[in-house]
C-alpha atoms as a PDB file:
ATOM      1  CA  MET A   1     -94.271  66.172 -76.799  1.00  0.00           C
ATOM      2  CA  LYS A   2     -97.202  64.392 -75.229  1.00  0.00           C
ATOM      3  CA  PRO A   3     -99.969  66.752 -74.119  1.00  0.00           C
ATOM      4  CA  ASP A   4    -100.422  67.149 -70.392  1.00  0.00           C
ATOM      5  CA  GLN A   5    -103.538  65.642 -68.843  1.00  0.00           C
ATOM      6  CA  ASP A   6    -104.340  68.785 -66.836  1.00  0.00           C
ATOM      7  CA  SER A   7    -103.934  71.300 -69.658  1.00  0.00           C
ATOM      8  CA  LEU A   8    -106.676  72.527 -71.908  1.00  0.00           C
ATOM      9  CA  PRO A   9    -106.681  71.602 -75.597  1.00  0.00           C
ATOM     10  CA  GLY A  10    -104.932  74.750 -76.905  1.00  0.00           C
ATOM     11  CA  GLU A  11    -102.448  75.346 -74.116  1.00  0.00           C
ATOM     12  CA  GLN A  12     -98.789  74.675 -74.514  1.00  0.00           C
ATOM     13  CA  HIS A  13     -97.019  73.055 -71.567  1.00  0.00           C
ATOM     14  CA  THR A  14     -93.640  74.613 -70.837  1.00  0.00           C
ATOM     15  CA  PRO A  15     -91.379  73.118 -68.191  1.00  0.00           C
ATOM     16  CA  SER A  16     -90.738  75.497 -65.315  1.00  0.00           C
ATOM     17  CA  LYS A  17     -87.180  74.365 -64.586  1.00  0.00           C
ATOM     18  CA  LYS A  18     -84.224  73.480 -66.726  1.00  0.00           C
ATOM     19  CA  LYS A  19     -82.702  70.042 -66.434  1.00  0.00           C
ATOM     20  CA  PHE A  20     -79.510  71.166 -64.664  1.00  0.00           C
ATOM     21  CA  GLU A  21     -80.726  74.351 -62.987  1.00  0.00           C
ATOM     22  CA  ILE A  22     -78.977  73.411 -59.744  1.00  0.00           C
ATOM     23  CA  PHE A  23     -75.623  74.052 -61.437  1.00  0.00           C
ATOM     24  CA  ASP A  24     -76.601  77.576 -62.492  1.00  0.00           C
ATOM     25  CA  THR A  25     -76.219  78.894 -58.957  1.00  0.00           C
ATOM     26  CA  PHE A  26     -72.823  79.503 -57.390  1.00  0.00           C
ATOM     27  CA  ASN A  27     -72.084  78.063 -53.956  1.00  0.00           C
ATOM     28  CA  PRO A  28     -69.288  80.139 -52.363  1.00  0.00           C
ATOM     29  CA  TYR A  29     -68.538  77.453 -49.756  1.00  0.00           C
ATOM     30  CA  LEU A  30     -67.865  74.691 -52.271  1.00  0.00           C
ATOM     31  CA  GLY A  31     -64.417  75.873 -53.399  1.00  0.00           C
ATOM     32  CA  PRO A  32     -62.807  76.262 -49.958  1.00  0.00           C
ATOM     33  CA  THR A  33     -64.404  73.014 -48.779  1.00  0.00           C
ATOM     34  CA  MET A  34     -63.006  71.086 -51.742  1.00  0.00           C
ATOM     35  CA  ILE A  35     -59.566  72.631 -51.249  1.00  0.00           C
ATOM     36  CA  PHE A  36     -59.623  71.733 -47.537  1.00  0.00           C
ATOM     37  CA  PHE A  37     -60.505  68.080 -48.125  1.00  0.00           C
ATOM     38  CA  HIS A  38     -57.930  67.680 -50.893  1.00  0.00           C
ATOM     39  CA  LEU A  39     -55.231  69.163 -48.662  1.00  0.00           C
ATOM     40  CA  LEU A  40     -56.353  66.832 -45.877  1.00  0.00           C
ATOM     41  CA  ALA A  41     -55.962  63.849 -48.227  1.00  0.00           C
ATOM     42  CA  VAL A  42     -52.460  64.975 -49.241  1.00  0.00           C
ATOM     43  CA  TYR A  43     -51.535  65.379 -45.563  1.00  0.00           C
ATOM     44  CA  GLY A  44     -52.838  61.873 -44.828  1.00  0.00           C
ATOM     45  CA  CYS A  45     -50.756  60.407 -47.650  1.00  0.00           C
ATOM     46  CA  LEU A  46     -47.649  62.189 -46.369  1.00  0.00           C
ATOM     47  CA  VAL A  47     -48.219  60.892 -42.831  1.00  0.00           C
ATOM     48  CA  VAL A  48     -48.575  57.336 -44.148  1.00  0.00           C
ATOM     49  CA  LEU A  49     -45.434  57.645 -46.287  1.00  0.00           C
ATOM     50  CA  ALA A  50     -43.483  59.054 -43.339  1.00  0.00           C
ATOM     51  CA  GLY A  51     -44.282  55.894 -41.366  1.00  0.00           C
ATOM     52  CA  HIS A  52     -46.232  57.496 -38.525  1.00  0.00           C
ATOM     53  CA  VAL A  53     -49.238  55.210 -38.968  1.00  0.00           C
ATOM     54  CA  SER A  54     -49.776  51.703 -37.631  1.00  0.00           C
ATOM     55  CA  TRP A  55     -50.308  48.872 -40.111  1.00  0.00           C
ATOM     56  CA  LYS A  56     -53.680  48.195 -38.454  1.00  0.00           C
ATOM     57  CA  ILE A  57     -54.962  51.606 -39.492  1.00  0.00           C
ATOM     58  CA  ILE A  58     -53.809  51.046 -43.072  1.00  0.00           C
ATOM     59  CA  VAL A  59     -55.614  47.679 -43.202  1.00  0.00           C
ATOM     60  CA  TYR A  60     -58.728  49.253 -41.680  1.00  0.00           C
ATOM     61  CA  GLN A  61     -58.708  52.063 -44.248  1.00  0.00           C
ATOM     62  CA  TYR A  62     -58.298  49.549 -47.071  1.00  0.00           C
ATOM     63  CA  VAL A  63     -61.310  47.563 -45.817  1.00  0.00           C
ATOM     64  CA  VAL A  64     -63.370  50.769 -45.583  1.00  0.00           C
ATOM     65  CA  PHE A  65     -62.241  51.635 -49.129  1.00  0.00           C
ATOM     66  CA  LEU A  66     -63.421  48.236 -50.415  1.00  0.00           C
ATOM     67  CA  PHE A  67     -66.807  48.487 -48.691  1.00  0.00           C
ATOM     68  CA  SER A  68     -67.391  52.024 -49.955  1.00  0.00           C
ATOM     69  CA  GLY A  69     -66.540  50.954 -53.501  1.00  0.00           C
ATOM     70  CA  PHE A  70     -68.921  48.019 -53.197  1.00  0.00           C
ATOM     71  CA  GLY A  71     -71.656  50.348 -51.952  1.00  0.00           C
ATOM     72  CA  ILE A  72     -71.154  52.731 -54.866  1.00  0.00           C
ATOM     73  CA  VAL A  73     -71.270  49.901 -57.410  1.00  0.00           C
ATOM     74  CA  ALA A  74     -74.346  48.349 -55.784  1.00  0.00           C
ATOM     75  CA  GLY A  75     -76.104  51.717 -55.695  1.00  0.00           C
ATOM     76  CA  ALA A  76     -75.325  52.438 -59.342  1.00  0.00           C
ATOM     77  CA  HIS A  77     -76.494  48.959 -60.324  1.00  0.00           C
ATOM     78  CA  ARG A  78     -79.735  49.407 -58.432  1.00  0.00           C
ATOM     79  CA  LEU A  79     -80.287  52.851 -59.944  1.00  0.00           C
ATOM     80  CA  TRP A  80     -79.688  51.862 -63.567  1.00  0.00           C
ATOM     81  CA  ALA A  81     -80.721  48.198 -63.698  1.00  0.00           C
ATOM     82  CA  HIS A  82     -83.921  48.115 -61.669  1.00  0.00           C
ATOM     83  CA  LYS A  83     -85.983  50.918 -63.176  1.00  0.00           C
END
């Protein structure tokens, strides 16, 4: 480990936080929120399969899906390739 610039020559630098400390805490709202959105997605699929949705909405959702995928790929590329 490289010595810290601000520390004195006999001090040992210890990191104050663990790498994934954010996952050590429990968020009680995360579970119900995830369940709600998954149930909403299942409901949306059932409505589409039942034929209660216009073809224009399906095309619009597909275009939004493509743009969101492109944004995720572009963001990941920028994060990992341009450091």
